[in-house]
Amino acid sequence: MRQFHLLISEKAHNVPLNLDDDLAAPFFFMDAITDLRTILAAYDSSLTPVARDDQEVRSIIESALSPYLRQCEQMSESLPELSHYIMLANCYDLAIVWSSPCLTEDR
């Protein structure tokens, strides 16, 4: 698990930081969400329903998204205040929408 955390952190620091005019979540963040869904699907398919550890799933989600959320926060700092909050809301909303099913599905 430690190696996973290191790889995610390294990948997050090597992403291109391009900001769209529409203040949507950056492409790298949407790509990270897609990667996270793939990782969680593989993780979930490798376990029996009884063996699922929700704390471990939360740890995977946090490790996979936190570096990218920090990148979004840093990128938004250069924007005017309203734009800053709009961009962050878009990033956080995307993170919540895509990670919530992974935390709430009964398996």
Protein backbone atom coordinates (compact mmCIF):
# COMPACT_ATOMS: atom_id res chain seq x y z
CA MET A 1 0.00 0.00 0.00
CA ARG A 2 2.91 2.33 0.71
CA GLN A 3 4.13 1.94 -2.88
CA PHE A 4 0.65 2.83 -4.15
CA HIS A 5 0.68 6.06 -2.12
CA LEU A 6 4.12 6.98 -3.43
CA LEU A 7 3.18 6.31 -7.06
CA ILE A 8 0.00 8.38 -6.82
CA SER A 9 1.86 11.26 -5.20
CA GLU A 10 4.59 11.17 -7.86
CA LYS A 11 2.05 11.05 -10.69
CA ALA A 12 0.17 14.04 -9.23
CA HIS A 13 3.31 16.15 -9.19
CA ASN A 14 4.01 15.47 -12.87
CA VAL A 15 0.70 16.61 -14.36
CA PRO A 16 0.34 19.53 -16.76
CA LEU A 17 -1.37 22.42 -15.00
CA ASN A 18 -3.72 23.84 -17.63
CA LEU A 19 -6.75 25.81 -16.57
CA ASP A 20 -9.85 26.03 -18.78
CA ASP A 21 -11.75 29.29 -19.19
CA ASP A 22 -14.99 27.63 -18.05
CA LEU A 23 -13.49 26.90 -14.59
CA ALA A 24 -14.35 23.21 -14.85
CA ALA A 25 -12.22 20.68 -13.06
CA PRO A 26 -8.90 20.43 -14.92
CA PHE A 27 -8.39 17.53 -17.32
CA PHE A 28 -5.73 15.98 -15.08
CA PHE A 29 -8.28 15.81 -12.25
CA MET A 30 -10.89 14.12 -14.43
CA ASP A 31 -8.19 11.69 -15.55
CA ALA A 32 -7.33 11.01 -11.89
CA ILE A 33 -10.99 10.25 -11.16
CA THR A 34 -11.04 7.76 -14.05
CA ASP A 35 -7.86 6.12 -12.73
CA LEU A 36 -9.37 5.95 -9.25
CA ARG A 37 -12.50 4.23 -10.53
CA THR A 38 -10.33 1.67 -12.35
CA ILE A 39 -8.23 1.05 -9.23
CA LEU A 40 -11.30 0.64 -7.04
CA ALA A 41 -12.97 -1.71 -9.53
CA ALA A 42 -9.87 -3.91 -9.54
CA TYR A 43 -9.65 -3.74 -5.75
CA ASP A 44 -13.32 -4.61 -5.36
CA SER A 45 -13.22 -7.51 -7.81
CA SER A 46 -10.28 -9.05 -5.97
CA LEU A 47 -12.19 -9.32 -2.68
CA THR A 48 -15.11 -11.30 -1.40
CA PRO A 49 -17.97 -9.18 -0.01
CA VAL A 50 -17.06 -10.15 3.55
CA ALA A 51 -13.40 -9.21 3.10
CA ARG A 52 -14.07 -5.62 1.99
CA ASP A 53 -12.42 -3.11 4.29
CA ASP A 54 -14.15 0.29 4.06
CA GLN A 55 -11.30 1.98 5.90
CA GLU A 56 -8.87 0.72 3.28
CA VAL A 57 -11.17 1.94 0.49
CA ARG A 58 -11.31 5.37 2.13
CA SER A 59 -7.51 5.35 2.36
CA ILE A 60 -7.22 4.54 -1.35
CA ILE A 61 -9.65 7.32 -2.26
CA GLU A 62 -7.88 9.84 -0.05
CA SER A 63 -4.45 8.89 -1.36
CA ALA A 64 -5.59 8.99 -4.95
CA LEU A 65 -7.47 12.30 -4.77
CA SER A 66 -5.68 14.43 -2.17
CA PRO A 67 -2.62 15.29 -4.29
CA TYR A 68 -4.85 16.27 -7.21
CA LEU A 69 -7.15 18.33 -5.01
CA ARG A 70 -4.09 20.17 -3.69
CA GLN A 71 -3.06 20.86 -7.30
CA CYS A 72 -6.54 22.26 -8.00
CA GLU A 73 -6.30 24.43 -4.88
CA GLN A 74 -2.90 25.77 -5.93
CA MET A 75 -4.11 26.49 -9.47
CA SER A 76 -7.18 28.33 -8.22
CA GLU A 77 -5.11 30.69 -6.03
CA SER A 78 -4.16 32.75 -9.08
CA LEU A 79 -7.80 33.37 -10.00
CA PRO A 80 -10.09 36.19 -8.87
CA GLU A 81 -12.02 35.29 -5.72
CA LEU A 82 -15.30 34.24 -7.34
CA SER A 83 -13.53 32.21 -10.04
CA HIS A 84 -11.35 30.63 -7.35
CA TYR A 85 -14.42 29.33 -5.49
CA ILE A 86 -16.21 28.21 -8.65
CA MET A 87 -13.24 26.14 -9.78
CA LEU A 88 -12.78 24.58 -6.34
CA ALA A 89 -16.50 23.80 -6.10
CA ASN A 90 -16.30 22.05 -9.48
CA CYS A 91 -13.31 19.97 -8.36
CA TYR A 92 -14.79 19.03 -4.98
CA ASP A 93 -18.16 18.24 -6.55
CA LEU A 94 -16.54 15.92 -9.08
CA ALA A 95 -14.59 14.18 -6.32
CA ILE A 96 -17.72 13.68 -4.22
CA VAL A 97 -19.90 12.51 -7.08
CA TRP A 98 -17.39 9.93 -8.31
CA SER A 99 -16.14 8.66 -4.96
CA SER A 100 -19.46 8.49 -3.06
CA PRO A 101 -20.75 5.32 -4.78
CA CYS A 102 -17.53 3.56 -3.82
CA LEU A 103 -18.17 4.34 -0.17
CA THR A 104 -21.89 3.64 -0.03
CA GLU A 105 -22.50 0.56 -2.19
CA ASP A 106 -23.31 -2.61 -0.30
CA ARG A 107 -21.14 -5.43 -1.48
